[in-house]
Amino acid sequence: MIPDSVSCGYSVITVDCRDLEPPEPLVLVLEAIEKLEPYEVVKMLHRHSPKMLFPKLEERKMQTHLKEFEDGSIELWIWKEDK
């Protein structure tokens, strides 16, 4: 589910990192956000919260919404702020 802060009509690019080992999740997500077009959002799936990723997203002025599940897995939505 796209968080309320992301408008309807966005195309979702899913990056499933649940079976990947570091640094692959970080690299794949950074590559995906560099290619983001208007009206696109990245949805990252991972086994746990990617703590090393958040500062890099902040440096790039990306917006995020993190959903954590009982098993520790996460769904992280990433998009560019509308100007």
Protein backbone atom coordinates (compact mmCIF):
# COMPACT_ATOMS: atom_id res chain seq x y z
CA MET A 1 0.00 0.00 0.00
CA ILE A 2 1.38 3.38 -0.98
CA PRO A 3 1.49 5.65 2.06
CA ASP A 4 -0.92 8.57 2.17
CA SER A 5 1.93 11.03 1.66
CA VAL A 6 2.52 9.60 -1.84
CA SER A 7 -0.17 10.67 -4.29
CA CYS A 8 -2.19 8.24 -6.38
CA GLY A 9 -0.97 7.65 -9.90
CA TYR A 10 2.66 6.91 -9.01
CA SER A 11 4.37 3.96 -10.69
CA VAL A 12 5.89 1.62 -8.12
CA ILE A 13 9.39 0.21 -8.62
CA THR A 14 9.81 -2.73 -6.23
CA VAL A 15 13.32 -3.59 -5.05
CA ASP A 16 13.17 -6.90 -3.18
CA CYS A 17 16.28 -7.15 -1.02
CA ARG A 18 15.09 -9.84 1.38
CA ASP A 19 17.54 -12.46 0.10
CA LEU A 20 20.48 -10.15 -0.58
CA GLU A 21 23.62 -9.63 1.50
CA PRO A 22 25.30 -6.26 2.15
CA PRO A 23 26.11 -4.11 0.34
CA GLU A 24 23.74 -5.24 -2.45
CA PRO A 25 20.53 -3.76 -0.96
CA LEU A 26 22.17 -0.36 -0.49
CA VAL A 27 23.63 -0.38 -4.00
CA LEU A 28 20.40 -1.51 -5.69
CA VAL A 29 18.23 1.05 -3.94
CA LEU A 30 20.64 3.91 -4.64
CA GLU A 31 20.76 2.89 -8.30
CA ALA A 32 16.95 2.78 -8.42
CA ILE A 33 16.48 6.23 -6.90
CA GLU A 34 19.05 7.77 -9.24
CA LYS A 35 16.83 6.66 -12.16
CA LEU A 36 13.52 7.84 -10.64
CA GLU A 37 11.29 9.76 -12.98
CA PRO A 38 8.47 12.05 -11.93
CA TYR A 39 5.52 10.01 -10.65
CA GLU A 40 7.69 7.03 -9.69
CA VAL A 41 8.28 5.66 -6.21
CA VAL A 42 10.63 2.91 -4.97
CA LYS A 43 9.30 0.24 -2.63
CA MET A 44 12.12 -1.60 -0.87
CA LEU A 45 11.46 -4.95 0.81
CA HIS A 46 14.06 -6.09 3.32
CA ARG A 47 14.58 -8.45 6.28
CA HIS A 48 15.33 -5.51 8.60
CA SER A 49 15.60 -1.73 8.67
CA PRO A 50 18.47 -0.56 6.41
CA LYS A 51 20.10 1.86 8.87
CA MET A 52 23.04 2.66 6.57
CA LEU A 53 20.65 3.70 3.79
CA PHE A 54 18.80 6.48 5.64
CA PRO A 55 21.68 9.02 5.74
CA LYS A 56 22.27 8.50 2.02
CA LEU A 57 18.58 9.10 1.29
CA GLU A 58 18.62 12.21 3.45
CA GLU A 59 21.68 13.54 1.55
CA ARG A 60 19.70 13.11 -1.67
CA LYS A 61 16.65 14.84 -0.16
CA MET A 62 14.46 11.77 -0.66
CA GLN A 63 11.18 11.31 1.19
CA THR A 64 10.59 8.01 2.99
CA HIS A 65 7.87 6.03 4.71
CA LEU A 66 8.92 2.99 6.75
CA LYS A 67 6.54 0.19 7.67
CA GLU A 68 7.91 -2.41 10.09
CA PHE A 69 6.37 -5.85 10.56
CA GLU A 70 6.32 -8.12 13.61
CA ASP A 71 8.97 -10.44 12.14
CA GLY A 72 11.40 -7.50 11.79
CA SER A 73 11.01 -7.21 8.03
CA ILE A 74 10.28 -3.82 6.50
CA GLU A 75 8.68 -2.08 3.57
CA LEU A 76 10.39 1.22 2.80
CA TRP A 77 8.81 3.67 0.36
CA ILE A 78 11.16 6.23 -1.22
CA TRP A 79 10.27 9.15 -3.48
CA LYS A 80 11.42 12.60 -4.55
CA GLU A 81 9.79 15.54 -2.86
CA ASP A 82 7.40 17.45 -5.12
CA LYS A 83 8.66 20.89 -5.97
